[in-house]
């Protein structure tokens, strides 16, 4: 019997404020904390992947901010990969690129979260197929 593909069931986002060790001075702002957007994908069988998207300097530096990244993912991107095979990252991202322009950081967070799901499984598969798997 062939196992069913790990379908994506849910995408969640969370903003986090992380203080910096020392202030980071930019030409447009001084940063004393970083606000990443954590993106979590949950797949069938409870398997999860996590990605992160962030900008430096917020809207003073570019067209995306952590808040706009979160809204873009929650409102537009999150529903797209639902039901898709989580091992087909390229297909999911091609679909997103075709439908939406720009939003590079939001797309990056989405692709890294799917990749964080895929990579450990590919490494485990590679280590087993090459005989490098840990035996204990």
C-alpha atoms as a PDB file:
ATOM      1  CA  UNK A   1       0.000   0.000   0.000  1.00  0.00           C
ATOM      2  CA  UNK A   2       1.357   3.441  -0.953  1.00  0.00           C
ATOM      3  CA  UNK A   3       1.159   6.060   1.807  1.00  0.00           C
ATOM      4  CA  UNK A   4      -0.893   9.157   1.052  1.00  0.00           C
ATOM      5  CA  UNK A   5       1.037  12.336   0.282  1.00  0.00           C
ATOM      6  CA  UNK A   6       1.445  14.635   3.294  1.00  0.00           C
ATOM      7  CA  UNK A   7      -1.282  17.160   2.465  1.00  0.00           C
ATOM      8  CA  UNK A   8      -1.046  20.663   3.918  1.00  0.00           C
ATOM      9  CA  UNK A   9      -3.968  21.155   6.304  1.00  0.00           C
ATOM     10  CA  UNK A  10      -3.354  24.512   7.999  1.00  0.00           C
ATOM     11  CA  UNK A  11      -1.108  27.580   7.783  1.00  0.00           C
ATOM     12  CA  UNK A  12      -0.681  29.859  10.821  1.00  0.00           C
ATOM     13  CA  UNK A  13       1.291  33.063  11.402  1.00  0.00           C
ATOM     14  CA  UNK A  14       2.580  34.739  14.547  1.00  0.00           C
ATOM     15  CA  UNK A  15       4.474  38.013  15.043  1.00  0.00           C
ATOM     16  CA  UNK A  16       7.296  38.060  17.587  1.00  0.00           C
ATOM     17  CA  UNK A  17       9.303  40.990  18.959  1.00  0.00           C
ATOM     18  CA  UNK A  18      12.911  39.982  19.607  1.00  0.00           C
ATOM     19  CA  UNK A  19      15.208  42.589  21.211  1.00  0.00           C
ATOM     20  CA  UNK A  20      18.569  43.138  19.546  1.00  0.00           C
ATOM     21  CA  UNK A  21      21.796  42.857  21.537  1.00  0.00           C
ATOM     22  CA  UNK A  22      22.765  46.364  20.499  1.00  0.00           C
ATOM     23  CA  UNK A  23      20.967  49.065  18.508  1.00  0.00           C
ATOM     24  CA  UNK A  24      21.367  48.687  14.765  1.00  0.00           C
ATOM     25  CA  UNK A  25      21.619  52.062  13.016  1.00  0.00           C
ATOM     26  CA  UNK A  26      20.317  52.349   9.465  1.00  0.00           C
ATOM     27  CA  UNK A  27      20.146  55.493   7.373  1.00  0.00           C
ATOM     28  CA  UNK A  28      16.360  55.540   7.804  1.00  0.00           C
ATOM     29  CA  UNK A  29      15.902  54.130  11.321  1.00  0.00           C
ATOM     30  CA  UNK A  30      17.562  52.755  14.439  1.00  0.00           C
ATOM     31  CA  UNK A  31      16.440  49.260  15.335  1.00  0.00           C
ATOM     32  CA  UNK A  32      16.348  48.008  18.906  1.00  0.00           C
ATOM     33  CA  UNK A  33      14.239  44.939  18.162  1.00  0.00           C
ATOM     34  CA  UNK A  34      13.435  42.683  15.234  1.00  0.00           C
ATOM     35  CA  UNK A  35       9.879  41.565  14.473  1.00  0.00           C
ATOM     36  CA  UNK A  36       9.869  38.320  12.499  1.00  0.00           C
ATOM     37  CA  UNK A  37       6.743  36.628  11.190  1.00  0.00           C
ATOM     38  CA  UNK A  38       6.771  32.951  12.116  1.00  0.00           C
ATOM     39  CA  UNK A  39       4.817  30.774   9.695  1.00  0.00           C
ATOM     40  CA  UNK A  40       3.805  27.259  10.663  1.00  0.00           C
ATOM     41  CA  UNK A  41       2.352  24.689   8.305  1.00  0.00           C
ATOM     42  CA  UNK A  42       0.596  21.649   9.680  1.00  0.00           C
ATOM     43  CA  UNK A  43       0.284  18.604   7.499  1.00  0.00           C
ATOM     44  CA  UNK A  44      -1.658  15.403   7.693  1.00  0.00           C
ATOM     45  CA  UNK A  45      -0.501  13.104  10.506  1.00  0.00           C
ATOM     46  CA  UNK A  46       0.512  16.104  12.679  1.00  0.00           C
ATOM     47  CA  UNK A  47       3.789  16.831  10.886  1.00  0.00           C
ATOM     48  CA  UNK A  48       4.808  20.514  10.972  1.00  0.00           C
ATOM     49  CA  UNK A  49       7.211  22.890   9.230  1.00  0.00           C
ATOM     50  CA  UNK A  50       8.205  26.398  10.327  1.00  0.00           C
ATOM     51  CA  UNK A  51       9.378  29.365   8.254  1.00  0.00           C
ATOM     52  CA  UNK A  52      10.296  32.946   9.072  1.00  0.00           C
ATOM     53  CA  UNK A  53       9.868  36.187   7.165  1.00  0.00           C
ATOM     54  CA  UNK A  54      11.179  39.533   8.324  1.00  0.00           C
ATOM     55  CA  UNK A  55      12.337  42.900   7.079  1.00  0.00           C
ATOM     56  CA  UNK A  56      14.879  45.306   8.446  1.00  0.00           C
ATOM     57  CA  UNK A  57      13.608  48.796   9.229  1.00  0.00           C
ATOM     58  CA  UNK A  58       9.941  48.123   8.418  1.00  0.00           C
ATOM     59  CA  UNK A  59       8.182  50.437   5.980  1.00  0.00           C
ATOM     60  CA  UNK A  60      10.925  53.039   6.349  1.00  0.00           C
ATOM     61  CA  UNK A  61      13.191  50.654   4.437  1.00  0.00           C
ATOM     62  CA  UNK A  62      10.969  48.883   1.922  1.00  0.00           C
ATOM     63  CA  UNK A  63       7.444  48.101   0.788  1.00  0.00           C
ATOM     64  CA  UNK A  64       6.856  45.268   3.269  1.00  0.00           C
ATOM     65  CA  UNK A  65       6.640  45.262   7.048  1.00  0.00           C
ATOM     66  CA  UNK A  66       6.197  42.319   9.429  1.00  0.00           C
ATOM     67  CA  UNK A  67       2.536  43.266   9.818  1.00  0.00           C
ATOM     68  CA  UNK A  68       1.953  43.430   6.051  1.00  0.00           C
ATOM     69  CA  UNK A  69       3.742  40.091   5.625  1.00  0.00           C
ATOM     70  CA  UNK A  70       1.422  38.520   8.195  1.00  0.00           C
ATOM     71  CA  UNK A  71      -1.705  40.016   6.598  1.00  0.00           C
ATOM     72  CA  UNK A  72      -0.604  38.911   3.101  1.00  0.00           C
ATOM     73  CA  UNK A  73      -0.034  35.349   4.260  1.00  0.00           C
ATOM     74  CA  UNK A  74      -3.200  35.129   6.379  1.00  0.00           C
ATOM     75  CA  UNK A  75      -5.468  36.809   3.821  1.00  0.00           C
ATOM     76  CA  UNK A  76      -4.112  35.674   0.466  1.00  0.00           C
ATOM     77  CA  UNK A  77      -1.396  33.014   0.631  1.00  0.00           C
ATOM     78  CA  UNK A  78      -2.471  30.649   3.434  1.00  0.00           C
ATOM     79  CA  UNK A  79      -5.432  29.075   1.647  1.00  0.00           C
ATOM     80  CA  UNK A  80      -3.492  28.374  -1.567  1.00  0.00           C
ATOM     81  CA  UNK A  81      -1.382  25.403  -0.459  1.00  0.00           C
ATOM     82  CA  UNK A  82      -4.187  23.724   1.523  1.00  0.00           C
ATOM     83  CA  UNK A  83      -4.580  20.170   0.305  1.00  0.00           C
ATOM     84  CA  UNK A  84      -1.381  20.338  -1.756  1.00  0.00           C
ATOM     85  CA  UNK A  85       1.368  17.753  -1.379  1.00  0.00           C
ATOM     86  CA  UNK A  86       3.886  19.255   1.087  1.00  0.00           C
ATOM     87  CA  UNK A  87       6.743  17.473  -0.661  1.00  0.00           C
ATOM     88  CA  UNK A  88       6.113  19.462  -3.870  1.00  0.00           C
ATOM     89  CA  UNK A  89       7.470  22.839  -2.780  1.00  0.00           C
ATOM     90  CA  UNK A  90       8.200  23.983  -6.334  1.00  0.00           C
ATOM     91  CA  UNK A  91       4.625  23.378  -7.467  1.00  0.00           C
ATOM     92  CA  UNK A  92       3.206  25.270  -4.479  1.00  0.00           C
ATOM     93  CA  UNK A  93       5.479  28.265  -5.043  1.00  0.00           C
ATOM     94  CA  UNK A  94       4.877  28.322  -8.818  1.00  0.00           C
ATOM     95  CA  UNK A  95       1.164  28.548  -8.048  1.00  0.00           C
ATOM     96  CA  UNK A  96       1.745  31.441  -5.594  1.00  0.00           C
ATOM     97  CA  UNK A  97       4.049  33.302  -8.038  1.00  0.00           C
ATOM     98  CA  UNK A  98       1.477  33.009 -10.803  1.00  0.00           C
ATOM     99  CA  UNK A  99      -1.290  34.547  -8.683  1.00  0.00           C
ATOM    100  CA  UNK A 100       0.543  37.278  -6.735  1.00  0.00           C
ATOM    101  CA  UNK A 101       3.089  39.961  -7.570  1.00  0.00           C
ATOM    102  CA  UNK A 102       5.879  41.194  -5.266  1.00  0.00           C
ATOM    103  CA  UNK A 103       5.443  40.386  -1.537  1.00  0.00           C
ATOM    104  CA  UNK A 104       8.895  38.789  -1.616  1.00  0.00           C
ATOM    105  CA  UNK A 105       9.249  38.407   2.140  1.00  0.00           C
ATOM    106  CA  UNK A 106       5.815  36.804   2.509  1.00  0.00           C
ATOM    107  CA  UNK A 107       6.617  34.372  -0.317  1.00  0.00           C
ATOM    108  CA  UNK A 108       9.997  33.636   1.278  1.00  0.00           C
ATOM    109  CA  UNK A 109       8.355  32.808   4.611  1.00  0.00           C
ATOM    110  CA  UNK A 110       5.966  30.477   2.831  1.00  0.00           C
ATOM    111  CA  UNK A 111       8.692  28.668   0.879  1.00  0.00           C
ATOM    112  CA  UNK A 112      10.963  28.284   3.938  1.00  0.00           C
ATOM    113  CA  UNK A 113       8.175  26.818   6.005  1.00  0.00           C
ATOM    114  CA  UNK A 114       7.385  24.244   3.336  1.00  0.00           C
ATOM    115  CA  UNK A 115      11.115  23.566   2.899  1.00  0.00           C
ATOM    116  CA  UNK A 116      11.553  23.073   6.648  1.00  0.00           C
ATOM    117  CA  UNK A 117       8.985  20.319   6.349  1.00  0.00           C
ATOM    118  CA  UNK A 118      10.642  18.696   3.333  1.00  0.00           C
ATOM    119  CA  UNK A 119      14.383  18.948   4.114  1.00  0.00           C
ATOM    120  CA  UNK A 120      14.570  16.764   7.244  1.00  0.00           C
ATOM    121  CA  UNK A 121      12.629  14.035   5.443  1.00  0.00           C
ATOM    122  CA  UNK A 122      14.912  14.220   2.397  1.00  0.00           C
ATOM    123  CA  UNK A 123      18.006  14.084   4.622  1.00  0.00           C
ATOM    124  CA  UNK A 124      16.602  11.078   6.461  1.00  0.00           C
ATOM    125  CA  UNK A 125      15.816   9.396   3.152  1.00  0.00           C
ATOM    126  CA  UNK A 126      19.299  10.176   1.797  1.00  0.00           C
ATOM    127  CA  UNK A 127      21.026   8.913   4.936  1.00  0.00           C
ATOM    128  CA  UNK A 128      19.061   5.662   4.836  1.00  0.00           C
ATOM    129  CA  UNK A 129      19.672   5.103   1.134  1.00  0.00           C
ATOM    130  CA  UNK A 130      23.434   5.747   1.457  1.00  0.00           C
ATOM    131  CA  UNK A 131      23.873   3.710   4.617  1.00  0.00           C
ATOM    132  CA  UNK A 132      24.750   6.770   6.724  1.00  0.00           C
ATOM    133  CA  UNK A 133      21.766   6.512   9.037  1.00  0.00           C
ATOM    134  CA  UNK A 134      22.534   6.408  12.729  1.00  0.00           C
ATOM    135  CA  UNK A 135      22.058   2.974  14.207  1.00  0.00           C
ATOM    136  CA  UNK A 136      21.881   3.924  17.749  1.00  0.00           C
END
